[in-house]
């Protein structure tokens, strides 16, 4: 059985993503972002947006 350290793995992935975003920004591209679109008036959907 292999035990995976989730915190260590997450830290490595975060560093890789940060380096990739930094490279994109230095190349003149915009940094990634999240956009949410609400379609309709469903109460549950409104809670999450």
PDB file of N, CA and C in Angstrom:
ATOM      1  N   UNK A   1       0.842  -1.181   0.000  1.00  0.00           N
ATOM      2  CA  UNK A   1       0.000   0.000   0.000  1.00  0.00           C
ATOM      3  C   UNK A   1       0.886   1.243   0.000  1.00  0.00           C
ATOM      4  N   UNK A   2       0.537   2.200  -0.829  1.00  0.00           N
ATOM      5  CA  UNK A   2       1.293   3.443  -0.917  1.00  0.00           C
ATOM      6  C   UNK A   2       0.497   4.539  -0.235  1.00  0.00           C
ATOM      7  N   UNK A   3       1.158   5.265   0.653  1.00  0.00           N
ATOM      8  CA  UNK A   3       0.530   6.379   1.351  1.00  0.00           C
ATOM      9  C   UNK A   3       0.938   7.676   0.663  1.00  0.00           C
ATOM     10  N   UNK A   4      -0.042   8.453   0.253  1.00  0.00           N
ATOM     11  CA  UNK A   4       0.218   9.710  -0.441  1.00  0.00           C
ATOM     12  C   UNK A   4      -0.030  10.860   0.518  1.00  0.00           C
ATOM     13  N   UNK A   5       0.947  11.762   0.623  1.00  0.00           N
ATOM     14  CA  UNK A   5       0.802  12.951   1.469  1.00  0.00           C
ATOM     15  C   UNK A   5       0.092  14.022   0.652  1.00  0.00           C
ATOM     16  N   UNK A   6      -1.197  14.198   0.908  1.00  0.00           N
ATOM     17  CA  UNK A   6      -2.004  15.135   0.139  1.00  0.00           C
ATOM     18  C   UNK A   6      -1.546  16.571   0.256  1.00  0.00           C
ATOM     19  N   UNK A   7      -1.121  16.972   1.460  1.00  0.00           N
ATOM     20  CA  UNK A   7      -0.680  18.357   1.657  1.00  0.00           C
ATOM     21  C   UNK A   7       0.582  18.641   0.855  1.00  0.00           C
ATOM     22  N   UNK A   8       1.499  17.706   0.860  1.00  0.00           N
ATOM     23  CA  UNK A   8       2.736  17.887   0.106  1.00  0.00           C
ATOM     24  C   UNK A   8       2.451  17.904  -1.399  1.00  0.00           C
ATOM     25  N   UNK A   9       1.609  17.003  -1.849  1.00  0.00           N
ATOM     26  CA  UNK A   9       1.248  16.956  -3.264  1.00  0.00           C
ATOM     27  C   UNK A   9       0.563  18.247  -3.691  1.00  0.00           C
ATOM     28  N   UNK A  10      -0.360  18.751  -2.863  1.00  0.00           N
ATOM     29  CA  UNK A  10      -1.055  20.005  -3.169  1.00  0.00           C
ATOM     30  C   UNK A  10      -0.077  21.168  -3.233  1.00  0.00           C
ATOM     31  N   UNK A  11       0.895  21.196  -2.325  1.00  0.00           N
ATOM     32  CA  UNK A  11       1.888  22.276  -2.318  1.00  0.00           C
ATOM     33  C   UNK A  11       2.714  22.259  -3.602  1.00  0.00           C
ATOM     34  N   UNK A  12       3.078  21.081  -4.055  1.00  0.00           N
ATOM     35  CA  UNK A  12       3.851  20.957  -5.293  1.00  0.00           C
ATOM     36  C   UNK A  12       3.026  21.447  -6.484  1.00  0.00           C
ATOM     37  N   UNK A  13       1.764  21.032  -6.537  1.00  0.00           N
ATOM     38  CA  UNK A  13       0.894  21.443  -7.641  1.00  0.00           C
ATOM     39  C   UNK A  13       0.687  22.948  -7.623  1.00  0.00           C
ATOM     40  N   UNK A  14       0.494  23.532  -6.430  1.00  0.00           N
ATOM     41  CA  UNK A  14       0.313  24.987  -6.333  1.00  0.00           C
ATOM     42  C   UNK A  14       1.541  25.731  -6.852  1.00  0.00           C
ATOM     43  N   UNK A  15       2.737  25.239  -6.522  1.00  0.00           N
ATOM     44  CA  UNK A  15       3.967  25.879  -6.996  1.00  0.00           C
ATOM     45  C   UNK A  15       4.063  25.801  -8.513  1.00  0.00           C
ATOM     46  N   UNK A  16       3.701  24.648  -9.077  1.00  0.00           N
ATOM     47  CA  UNK A  16       3.747  24.486 -10.532  1.00  0.00           C
ATOM     48  C   UNK A  16       2.768  25.438 -11.218  1.00  0.00           C
ATOM     49  N   UNK A  17       1.568  25.539 -10.666  1.00  0.00           N
ATOM     50  CA  UNK A  17       0.565  26.430 -11.253  1.00  0.00           C
ATOM     51  C   UNK A  17       1.003  27.884 -11.127  1.00  0.00           C
ATOM     52  N   UNK A  18       1.539  28.257  -9.968  1.00  0.00           N
ATOM     53  CA  UNK A  18       2.001  29.638  -9.768  1.00  0.00           C
ATOM     54  C   UNK A  18       3.092  29.988 -10.773  1.00  0.00           C
ATOM     55  N   UNK A  19       4.008  29.064 -11.024  1.00  0.00           N
ATOM     56  CA  UNK A  19       5.082  29.313 -11.988  1.00  0.00           C
ATOM     57  C   UNK A  19       4.517  29.457 -13.398  1.00  0.00           C
ATOM     58  N   UNK A  20       3.539  28.631 -13.731  1.00  0.00           N
ATOM     59  CA  UNK A  20       2.937  28.709 -15.064  1.00  0.00           C
ATOM     60  C   UNK A  20       2.187  30.031 -15.252  1.00  0.00           C
ATOM     61  N   UNK A  21       1.450  30.461 -14.238  1.00  0.00           N
ATOM     62  CA  UNK A  21       0.721  31.729 -14.322  1.00  0.00           C
ATOM     63  C   UNK A  21       1.699  32.892 -14.420  1.00  0.00           C
ATOM     64  N   UNK A  22       2.764  32.843 -13.633  1.00  0.00           N
ATOM     65  CA  UNK A  22       3.774  33.906 -13.685  1.00  0.00           C
ATOM     66  C   UNK A  22       4.379  34.000 -15.080  1.00  0.00           C
ATOM     67  N   UNK A  23       4.638  32.858 -15.689  1.00  0.00           N
ATOM     68  CA  UNK A  23       5.186  32.831 -17.040  1.00  0.00           C
ATOM     69  C   UNK A  23       4.203  33.435 -18.043  1.00  0.00           C
ATOM     70  N   UNK A  24       2.926  33.111 -17.887  1.00  0.00           N
ATOM     71  CA  UNK A  24       1.901  33.664 -18.778  1.00  0.00           C
ATOM     72  C   UNK A  24       1.825  35.182 -18.647  1.00  0.00           C
ATOM     73  N   UNK A  25       1.851  35.673 -17.419  1.00  0.00           N
ATOM     74  CA  UNK A  25       1.750  37.116 -17.177  1.00  0.00           C
ATOM     75  C   UNK A  25       2.972  37.829 -17.751  1.00  0.00           C
ATOM     76  N   UNK A  26       4.158  37.240 -17.568  1.00  0.00           N
ATOM     77  CA  UNK A  26       5.365  37.844 -18.124  1.00  0.00           C
ATOM     78  C   UNK A  26       5.325  37.891 -19.645  1.00  0.00           C
ATOM     79  N   UNK A  27       4.604  36.943 -20.256  1.00  0.00           N
ATOM     80  CA  UNK A  27       4.483  36.900 -21.713  1.00  0.00           C
ATOM     81  C   UNK A  27       3.402  37.859 -22.217  1.00  0.00           C
ATOM     82  N   UNK A  28       2.791  38.609 -21.301  1.00  0.00           N
ATOM     83  CA  UNK A  28       1.798  39.598 -21.703  1.00  0.00           C
ATOM     84  C   UNK A  28       0.368  39.100 -21.714  1.00  0.00           C
ATOM     85  N   UNK A  29       0.156  37.883 -21.256  1.00  0.00           N
ATOM     86  CA  UNK A  29      -1.204  37.343 -21.213  1.00  0.00           C
ATOM     87  C   UNK A  29      -1.861  37.689 -19.880  1.00  0.00           C
ATOM     88  N   UNK A  30      -3.174  37.661 -19.873  1.00  0.00           N
ATOM     89  CA  UNK A  30      -3.897  37.929 -18.632  1.00  0.00           C
ATOM     90  C   UNK A  30      -3.873  36.688 -17.744  1.00  0.00           C
ATOM     91  N   UNK A  31      -3.847  36.886 -16.422  1.00  0.00           N
ATOM     92  CA  UNK A  31      -3.896  35.728 -15.531  1.00  0.00           C
ATOM     93  C   UNK A  31      -5.275  35.068 -15.583  1.00  0.00           C
ATOM     94  N   UNK A  32      -5.344  33.770 -15.351  1.00  0.00           N
ATOM     95  CA  UNK A  32      -6.636  33.090 -15.371  1.00  0.00           C
ATOM     96  C   UNK A  32      -7.525  33.576 -14.225  1.00  0.00           C
ATOM     97  N   UNK A  33      -8.827  33.496 -14.450  1.00  0.00           N
ATOM     98  CA  UNK A  33      -9.780  33.898 -13.421  1.00  0.00           C
ATOM     99  C   UNK A  33     -11.049  33.070 -13.579  1.00  0.00           C
ATOM    100  N   UNK A  34     -11.903  33.157 -12.607  1.00  0.00           N
ATOM    101  CA  UNK A  34     -13.156  32.410 -12.629  1.00  0.00           C
ATOM    102  C   UNK A  34     -14.308  33.357 -12.919  1.00  0.00           C
ATOM    103  N   UNK A  35     -15.166  32.968 -13.822  1.00  0.00           N
ATOM    104  CA  UNK A  35     -16.369  33.749 -14.120  1.00  0.00           C
ATOM    105  C   UNK A  35     -17.577  32.843 -13.912  1.00  0.00           C
ATOM    106  N   UNK A  36     -18.570  33.341 -13.215  1.00  0.00           N
ATOM    107  CA  UNK A  36     -19.796  32.577 -12.978  1.00  0.00           C
ATOM    108  C   UNK A  36     -20.957  33.283 -13.659  1.00  0.00           C
ATOM    109  N   UNK A  37     -21.783  32.509 -14.319  1.00  0.00           N
ATOM    110  CA  UNK A  37     -22.943  33.057 -15.014  1.00  0.00           C
ATOM    111  C   UNK A  37     -24.189  32.433 -14.411  1.00  0.00           C
ATOM    112  N   UNK A  38     -25.121  33.266 -13.997  1.00  0.00           N
ATOM    113  CA  UNK A  38     -26.373  32.791 -13.426  1.00  0.00           C
ATOM    114  C   UNK A  38     -27.441  32.802 -14.510  1.00  0.00           C
ATOM    115  N   UNK A  39     -28.020  31.640 -14.768  1.00  0.00           N
ATOM    116  CA  UNK A  39     -29.097  31.535 -15.756  1.00  0.00           C
ATOM    117  C   UNK A  39     -30.368  31.126 -15.023  1.00  0.00           C
ATOM    118  N   UNK A  40     -31.356  31.973 -15.039  1.00  0.00           N
ATOM    119  CA  UNK A  40     -32.613  31.667 -14.365  1.00  0.00           C
ATOM    120  C   UNK A  40     -32.643  32.220 -12.950  1.00  0.00           C
ATOM    121  N   UNK A  41     -33.686  31.877 -12.215  1.00  0.00           N
ATOM    122  CA  UNK A  41     -33.864  32.391 -10.860  1.00  0.00           C
ATOM    123  C   UNK A  41     -33.983  31.279  -9.829  1.00  0.00           C
ATOM    124  N   UNK A  42     -33.311  30.174 -10.056  1.00  0.00           N
ATOM    125  CA  UNK A  42     -33.364  29.069  -9.114  1.00  0.00           C
ATOM    126  C   UNK A  42     -32.669  29.459  -7.817  1.00  0.00           C
ATOM    127  N   UNK A  43     -33.363  29.318  -6.690  1.00  0.00           N
ATOM    128  CA  UNK A  43     -32.817  29.723  -5.399  1.00  0.00           C
ATOM    129  C   UNK A  43     -31.511  29.036  -5.054  1.00  0.00           C
ATOM    130  N   UNK A  44     -31.416  27.740  -5.360  1.00  0.00           N
ATOM    131  CA  UNK A  44     -30.181  27.015  -5.084  1.00  0.00           C
ATOM    132  C   UNK A  44     -29.016  27.547  -5.878  1.00  0.00           C
ATOM    133  N   UNK A  45     -29.259  27.888  -7.126  1.00  0.00           N
ATOM    134  CA  UNK A  45     -28.201  28.442  -7.970  1.00  0.00           C
ATOM    135  C   UNK A  45     -27.749  29.801  -7.460  1.00  0.00           C
ATOM    136  N   UNK A  46     -28.693  30.614  -7.023  1.00  0.00           N
ATOM    137  CA  UNK A  46     -28.364  31.945  -6.509  1.00  0.00           C
ATOM    138  C   UNK A  46     -27.453  31.833  -5.295  1.00  0.00           C
ATOM    139  N   UNK A  47     -27.676  30.817  -4.469  1.00  0.00           N
ATOM    140  CA  UNK A  47     -26.851  30.613  -3.280  1.00  0.00           C
ATOM    141  C   UNK A  47     -25.388  30.417  -3.643  1.00  0.00           C
ATOM    142  N   UNK A  48     -25.119  29.711  -4.728  1.00  0.00           N
ATOM    143  CA  UNK A  48     -23.749  29.394  -5.100  1.00  0.00           C
ATOM    144  C   UNK A  48     -23.075  30.463  -5.938  1.00  0.00           C
ATOM    145  N   UNK A  49     -23.825  31.417  -6.463  1.00  0.00           N
ATOM    146  CA  UNK A  49     -23.229  32.440  -7.328  1.00  0.00           C
ATOM    147  C   UNK A  49     -23.037  33.710  -6.610  1.00  0.00           C
TER     148      UNK A  49
END
